[in-house]
C-alpha atoms as a PDB file:
ATOM      1  CA  MET A   1     109.714 -88.733-139.844  1.00  0.00           C
ATOM      2  CA  PRO A   2     108.844 -88.667-136.174  1.00  0.00           C
ATOM      3  CA  ALA A   3     105.644 -88.197-134.422  1.00  0.00           C
ATOM      4  CA  THR A   4     105.017 -85.149-132.708  1.00  0.00           C
ATOM      5  CA  GLN A   5     103.918 -84.983-129.485  1.00  0.00           C
ATOM      6  CA  ARG A   6     101.165 -82.441-127.936  1.00  0.00           C
ATOM      7  CA  PRO A   7     101.990 -81.119-124.652  1.00  0.00           C
ATOM      8  CA  PRO A   8      99.507 -82.628-122.115  1.00  0.00           C
ATOM      9  CA  GLN A   9      96.321 -80.332-121.703  1.00  0.00           C
ATOM     10  CA  ALA A  10      95.426 -79.352-118.206  1.00  0.00           C
ATOM     11  CA  ALA A  11      92.178 -80.886-116.435  1.00  0.00           C
ATOM     12  CA  PRO A  12      89.236 -78.362-117.654  1.00  0.00           C
ATOM     13  CA  ARG A  13      88.562 -76.457-114.078  1.00  0.00           C
ATOM     14  CA  SER A  14      85.219 -77.516-112.832  1.00  0.00           C
ATOM     15  CA  PRO A  15      82.721 -74.136-112.695  1.00  0.00           C
ATOM     16  CA  LEU A  16      82.756 -74.653-108.882  1.00  0.00           C
ATOM     17  CA  ARG A  17      86.194 -74.407-108.493  1.00  0.00           C
ATOM     18  CA  THR A  18      86.552 -71.815-110.975  1.00  0.00           C
ATOM     19  CA  ALA A  19      83.680 -69.682-109.204  1.00  0.00           C
ATOM     20  CA  VAL A  20      85.057 -70.145-105.978  1.00  0.00           C
ATOM     21  CA  GLU A  21      88.586 -68.936-106.832  1.00  0.00           C
ATOM     22  CA  GLU A  22      87.336 -65.867-108.830  1.00  0.00           C
ATOM     23  CA  HIS A  23      84.981 -65.217-106.053  1.00  0.00           C
ATOM     24  CA  GLY A  24      86.631 -66.253-102.924  1.00  0.00           C
ATOM     25  CA  TYR A  25      83.257 -66.982-101.553  1.00  0.00           C
ATOM     26  CA  VAL A  26      79.773 -68.828-102.656  1.00  0.00           C
ATOM     27  CA  LEU A  27      77.014 -69.381-100.375  1.00  0.00           C
ATOM     28  CA  LEU A  28      74.874 -71.856-101.424  1.00  0.00           C
ATOM     29  CA  TYR A  29      71.728 -72.429 -99.977  1.00  0.00           C
ATOM     30  CA  ASP A  30      68.216 -74.695-100.285  1.00  0.00           C
ATOM     31  CA  GLY A  31      66.364 -73.015-102.932  1.00  0.00           C
ATOM     32  CA  VAL A  32      62.737 -73.856-101.925  1.00  0.00           C
ATOM     33  CA  CYS A  33      63.185 -73.261 -98.286  1.00  0.00           C
ATOM     34  CA  GLY A  34      61.860 -69.369 -97.340  1.00  0.00           C
ATOM     35  CA  LEU A  35      64.003 -69.012 -94.497  1.00  0.00           C
ATOM     36  CA  CYS A  36      67.219 -69.581 -96.326  1.00  0.00           C
ATOM     37  CA  ASN A  37      66.072 -67.474 -99.375  1.00  0.00           C
ATOM     38  CA  GLY A  38      65.471 -64.712 -96.686  1.00  0.00           C
ATOM     39  CA  PHE A  39      68.961 -65.151 -95.165  1.00  0.00           C
ATOM     40  CA  VAL A  40      70.164 -65.129 -98.951  1.00  0.00           C
ATOM     41  CA  GLN A  41      68.304 -61.659 -99.371  1.00  0.00           C
ATOM     42  CA  TRP A  42      69.146 -59.928 -95.949  1.00  0.00           C
ATOM     43  CA  VAL A  43      73.217 -60.679 -97.303  1.00  0.00           C
ATOM     44  CA  LEU A  44      72.330 -59.267-100.084  1.00  0.00           C
ATOM     45  CA  LYS A  45      71.139 -56.083 -98.521  1.00  0.00           C
ATOM     46  CA  HIS A  46      74.280 -56.283 -96.525  1.00  0.00           C
ATOM     47  CA  ASP A  47      77.008 -56.930 -98.332  1.00  0.00           C
ATOM     48  CA  ARG A  48      78.977 -53.564 -99.516  1.00  0.00           C
ATOM     49  CA  ALA A  49      80.928 -55.089-101.040  1.00  0.00           C
ATOM     50  CA  GLY A  50      78.845 -57.118-103.645  1.00  0.00           C
ATOM     51  CA  SER A  51      81.653 -59.711-104.037  1.00  0.00           C
ATOM     52  CA  LEU A  52      79.717 -62.860-102.563  1.00  0.00           C
ATOM     53  CA  ARG A  53      77.957 -65.050-104.795  1.00  0.00           C
ATOM     54  CA  PHE A  54      74.865 -67.475-104.543  1.00  0.00           C
ATOM     55  CA  ALA A  55      74.303 -70.234-105.795  1.00  0.00           C
ATOM     56  CA  THR A  56      71.308 -73.134-104.426  1.00  0.00           C
ATOM     57  CA  LEU A  57      72.285 -76.481-103.417  1.00  0.00           C
ATOM     58  CA  GLN A  58      69.752 -77.925-105.561  1.00  0.00           C
ATOM     59  CA  GLY A  59      71.372 -76.494-108.531  1.00  0.00           C
ATOM     60  CA  VAL A  60      74.898 -77.782-110.514  1.00  0.00           C
ATOM     61  CA  LEU A  61      77.025 -76.190-108.441  1.00  0.00           C
ATOM     62  CA  GLY A  62      75.528 -77.077-105.291  1.00  0.00           C
ATOM     63  CA  GLN A  63      75.456 -80.916-106.865  1.00  0.00           C
ATOM     64  CA  GLU A  64      79.168 -80.761-107.692  1.00  0.00           C
ATOM     65  CA  ALA A  65      79.962 -79.398-103.786  1.00  0.00           C
ATOM     66  CA  VAL A  66      78.231 -82.455-102.260  1.00  0.00           C
ATOM     67  CA  ARG A  67      79.985 -84.883-104.622  1.00  0.00           C
ATOM     68  CA  THR A  68      83.350 -82.950-104.153  1.00  0.00           C
ATOM     69  CA  PHE A  69      83.057 -82.187-100.330  1.00  0.00           C
ATOM     70  CA  PRO A  70      81.645 -85.695 -99.004  1.00  0.00           C
ATOM     71  CA  ALA A  71      81.034 -83.996 -95.438  1.00  0.00           C
ATOM     72  CA  LEU A  72      78.340 -82.011 -97.240  1.00  0.00           C
ATOM     73  CA  GLN A  73      76.065 -85.162 -97.855  1.00  0.00           C
ATOM     74  CA  GLY A  74      72.523 -84.611 -96.071  1.00  0.00           C
ATOM     75  CA  ILE A  75      73.697 -80.705 -95.336  1.00  0.00           C
ATOM     76  CA  ASP A  76      70.559 -78.960 -96.568  1.00  0.00           C
ATOM     77  CA  SER A  77      70.206 -75.576 -95.329  1.00  0.00           C
ATOM     78  CA  VAL A  78      73.519 -73.237 -96.124  1.00  0.00           C
ATOM     79  CA  VAL A  79      77.090 -73.737 -97.050  1.00  0.00           C
ATOM     80  CA  LEU A  80      79.904 -71.398 -97.488  1.00  0.00           C
ATOM     81  CA  LEU A  81      82.566 -72.155-100.100  1.00  0.00           C
ATOM     82  CA  SER A  82      85.658 -70.534-100.062  1.00  0.00           C
ATOM     83  CA  ARG A  83      89.341 -70.986-100.956  1.00  0.00           C
ATOM     84  CA  ASP A  84      90.336 -73.523 -97.771  1.00  0.00           C
ATOM     85  CA  GLY A  85      87.097 -75.464 -98.478  1.00  0.00           C
ATOM     86  CA  ALA A  86      83.453 -75.909 -97.066  1.00  0.00           C
ATOM     87  CA  LEU A  87      81.939 -74.233 -94.294  1.00  0.00           C
ATOM     88  CA  VAL A  88      78.506 -75.775 -92.426  1.00  0.00           C
ATOM     89  CA  LYS A  89      75.769 -74.791 -90.012  1.00  0.00           C
ATOM     90  CA  SER A  90      76.561 -72.687 -87.410  1.00  0.00           C
ATOM     91  CA  THR A  91      79.727 -71.882 -88.490  1.00  0.00           C
ATOM     92  CA  ALA A  92      78.679 -71.232 -92.229  1.00  0.00           C
ATOM     93  CA  VAL A  93      76.618 -68.200 -90.570  1.00  0.00           C
ATOM     94  CA  ILE A  94      78.916 -66.785 -87.978  1.00  0.00           C
ATOM     95  CA  GLU A  95      81.811 -66.337 -91.457  1.00  0.00           C
ATOM     96  CA  VAL A  96      78.891 -64.917 -93.009  1.00  0.00           C
ATOM     97  CA  ALA A  97      78.681 -62.437 -90.351  1.00  0.00           C
ATOM     98  CA  ARG A  98      82.448 -61.414 -90.977  1.00  0.00           C
ATOM     99  CA  TYR A  99      82.589 -61.149 -94.458  1.00  0.00           C
ATOM    100  CA  LEU A 100      79.857 -58.651 -93.891  1.00  0.00           C
ATOM    101  CA  GLY A 101      81.542 -56.985 -91.819  1.00  0.00           C
ATOM    102  CA  GLY A 102      80.664 -53.251 -89.748  1.00  0.00           C
ATOM    103  CA  VAL A 103      78.032 -54.114 -87.172  1.00  0.00           C
ATOM    104  CA  TRP A 104      77.622 -57.692 -88.046  1.00  0.00           C
ATOM    105  CA  TYR A 105      81.159 -58.444 -86.869  1.00  0.00           C
ATOM    106  CA  LEU A 106      79.265 -58.814 -83.644  1.00  0.00           C
ATOM    107  CA  LEU A 107      77.894 -62.074 -84.434  1.00  0.00           C
ATOM    108  CA  LEU A 108      81.475 -63.312 -84.406  1.00  0.00           C
ATOM    109  CA  ALA A 109      80.732 -63.426 -79.971  1.00  0.00           C
ATOM    110  CA  GLY A 110      78.869 -66.955 -81.072  1.00  0.00           C
ATOM    111  CA  TYR A 111      82.473 -68.360 -81.572  1.00  0.00           C
ATOM    112  CA  LEU A 112      82.203 -68.128 -77.349  1.00  0.00           C
ATOM    113  CA  LEU A 113      79.857 -70.780 -77.547  1.00  0.00           C
ATOM    114  CA  PRO A 114      80.979 -74.443 -78.177  1.00  0.00           C
ATOM    115  CA  ARG A 115      80.671 -75.805 -81.834  1.00  0.00           C
ATOM    116  CA  GLY A 116      78.483 -78.987 -80.548  1.00  0.00           C
ATOM    117  CA  LEU A 117      75.973 -76.477 -78.898  1.00  0.00           C
ATOM    118  CA  ARG A 118      75.733 -74.014 -81.719  1.00  0.00           C
ATOM    119  CA  ASP A 119      74.795 -76.819 -84.420  1.00  0.00           C
ATOM    120  CA  ALA A 120      72.633 -77.759 -81.924  1.00  0.00           C
ATOM    121  CA  LEU A 121      70.909 -74.602 -81.939  1.00  0.00           C
ATOM    122  CA  TYR A 122      71.064 -74.478 -85.642  1.00  0.00           C
ATOM    123  CA  ASP A 123      70.255 -78.091 -86.220  1.00  0.00           C
ATOM    124  CA  GLN A 124      66.662 -77.592 -84.075  1.00  0.00           C
ATOM    125  CA  VAL A 125      65.888 -74.091 -86.692  1.00  0.00           C
ATOM    126  CA  ALA A 126      66.901 -76.053 -89.541  1.00  0.00           C
ATOM    127  CA  ARG A 127      64.501 -78.724 -88.640  1.00  0.00           C
ATOM    128  CA  ARG A 128      61.475 -76.902 -88.415  1.00  0.00           C
ATOM    129  CA  ARG A 129      62.390 -74.515 -91.060  1.00  0.00           C
ATOM    130  CA  TYR A 130      59.437 -75.436 -93.437  1.00  0.00           C
ATOM    131  CA  GLY A 131      56.887 -75.103 -90.793  1.00  0.00           C
ATOM    132  CA  TRP A 132      58.373 -71.824 -89.344  1.00  0.00           C
ATOM    133  CA  PHE A 133      59.184 -69.753 -92.574  1.00  0.00           C
ATOM    134  CA  GLY A 134      57.477 -72.331 -95.311  1.00  0.00           C
ATOM    135  CA  LYS A 135      58.878 -74.225 -98.503  1.00  0.00           C
ATOM    136  CA  LEU A 136      58.345 -72.804-101.928  1.00  0.00           C
ATOM    137  CA  ASP A 137      57.580 -74.729-104.779  1.00  0.00           C
ATOM    138  CA  ALA A 138      60.952 -73.460-106.829  1.00  0.00           C
ATOM    139  CA  CYS A 139      63.289 -71.427-106.071  1.00  0.00           C
ATOM    140  CA  PRO A 140      62.327 -67.793-106.764  1.00  0.00           C
ATOM    141  CA  LEU A 141      64.216 -65.702-109.524  1.00  0.00           C
ATOM    142  CA  PRO A 142      66.629 -63.316-108.552  1.00  0.00           C
ATOM    143  CA  SER A 143      65.821 -59.255-109.019  1.00  0.00           C
ATOM    144  CA  PRO A 144      67.166 -57.743-112.401  1.00  0.00           C
ATOM    145  CA  GLU A 145      69.708 -56.114-110.439  1.00  0.00           C
ATOM    146  CA  THR A 146      70.877 -59.094-108.242  1.00  0.00           C
ATOM    147  CA  ARG A 147      70.840 -61.266-111.216  1.00  0.00           C
ATOM    148  CA  GLN A 148      74.863 -61.721-111.855  1.00  0.00           C
ATOM    149  CA  ARG A 149      75.642 -62.606-108.486  1.00  0.00           C
ATOM    150  CA  PHE A 150      73.524 -66.214-108.596  1.00  0.00           C
ATOM    151  CA  LEU A 151      75.635 -68.659-110.057  1.00  0.00           C
ATOM    152  CA  ASP A 152      73.124 -71.081-111.002  1.00  0.00           C
ATOM    153  CA  ARG A 153      70.819 -69.145-113.426  1.00  0.00           C
END
């Protein structure tokens, strides 16, 4: 009797890839940074579509993103993941404004500045963010109303 062959199984999809494909965008942030947490709260307040998802860089998805995109090594503030890849620093912030739309669309004027200059300004704030906005002992828990939008629960 001939041995039956099973069809090859597809490789399991990674949680990160699944999240990005399902939601379109995932915003990774430094979960212990006061400025980053404030930015996430600001985005939650202005996200009319309510489809943007969030995960900390310290969490499972954030660490998977760093392994998937080697260019993220050393990035410790804000990363916007999309189906097209990963955006960092000032470009990530400007693209979040594009996503939010409305009056925030005006922030796309930031693209008039060369990326090197934008990112240098971004880096200056990033270097000082703990001193200016504080460093938390742990990632704050999201409110019950927004909990489903955070992927590392």
